[in-house]
Amino acid sequence: MSATVETLATTCKNCDVTFDGKFCPNCSQKASTHRFTLGHFIHEFLHAFTHTDKGILFLIKEMFFHPGKVALEYNAGKRKKYFNPITFLLIMTAIQVYTTSKTGLFTQYAESLQTLMEQMVGNAGGSAVDLQEVDRQMDEADRTMMMVSENNKLLTMLFIPVLSFLTWLFFRRSGHNYAENLVFNVLINGQLMVFFLIFSVIPFLIKPSLVIFWLLLYFLLNWIYSFIAYRQFFKQGWGITIFKGLVVQVIYLVLVQNITALLLGFLKK
């Protein structure tokens, strides 16, 4: 006489579907849930950052070396494997805004640039009027950078769709639609903010006097990394990738400068 094992049906607390098993077939939530405690909250918080198959640190590590592959896999449907791209971008944007504000990086950059410009004007035999004009322009640039930093989230969300349109337009033969380009550029911009922290903010804390060099280094790495990502994602030859990438980046910078000037002019009113 064989024994029969009865399984109790579970009603999902998330979507109300009745099912047997450990996970809901409709929304994938676990059958067994527990009341939150402080210990559970801390566990979930650390889990989001350190989980080996979808934590933010895993995404950052993969994005360092395989940015195109990550975007391709995410677009292909491997969503559970990676940390959410939009959440990643928002977290990194918030960290960038906070660190630049607390460290005074952009203020130091403006002051260093002003000193350098004054030295160049002085060496070229410039007059006191020329020096005053340099001071005026640098003060304006400092105010602009501070406003850009304060409105970084708004500007990021505004510019990524523009950049995505450009990559879609110039690399459209690769077959990726506009939305897939959006995912790709969200991931790339999130990782570039990681690079900003590593190659600009941290070195600035160690050697503030070299702030101009640290930012120039970041911008150089920004372009190199973008070209590598374009190559991996769009799968075109290096020559055409670099050419199209340069065109995209130059057009994008011009658009960013003009849109930023218009937006900041509106915010100043």
Foldseek 3Di string as FASTA:
>chain_A
DDDDDDFDWAQDPPPRDTGTDQADPPPGHGRDDDDDDPVVVVVVVVCQQDPCQEHPVNLLVCCVPQLQVVLVVVVVPPVVRYYDLLVLLVVLLVVLLVLCVVVVLLVLVLVLVLVVVLVVCVVVVHDPVVNVVSVVVSVVVSVLVNVCSVCVVVLVVVQLLVLLVLLCVLLVVLPDDSVSSSSSSSSLNSSLSVVCCVQQSVVCVVPVSCNVVSVVVSVVVSLVSVLVSQCSNSVDDSVSSNVSSVVSVVVSVVVSVVVSVVVVVVVVD
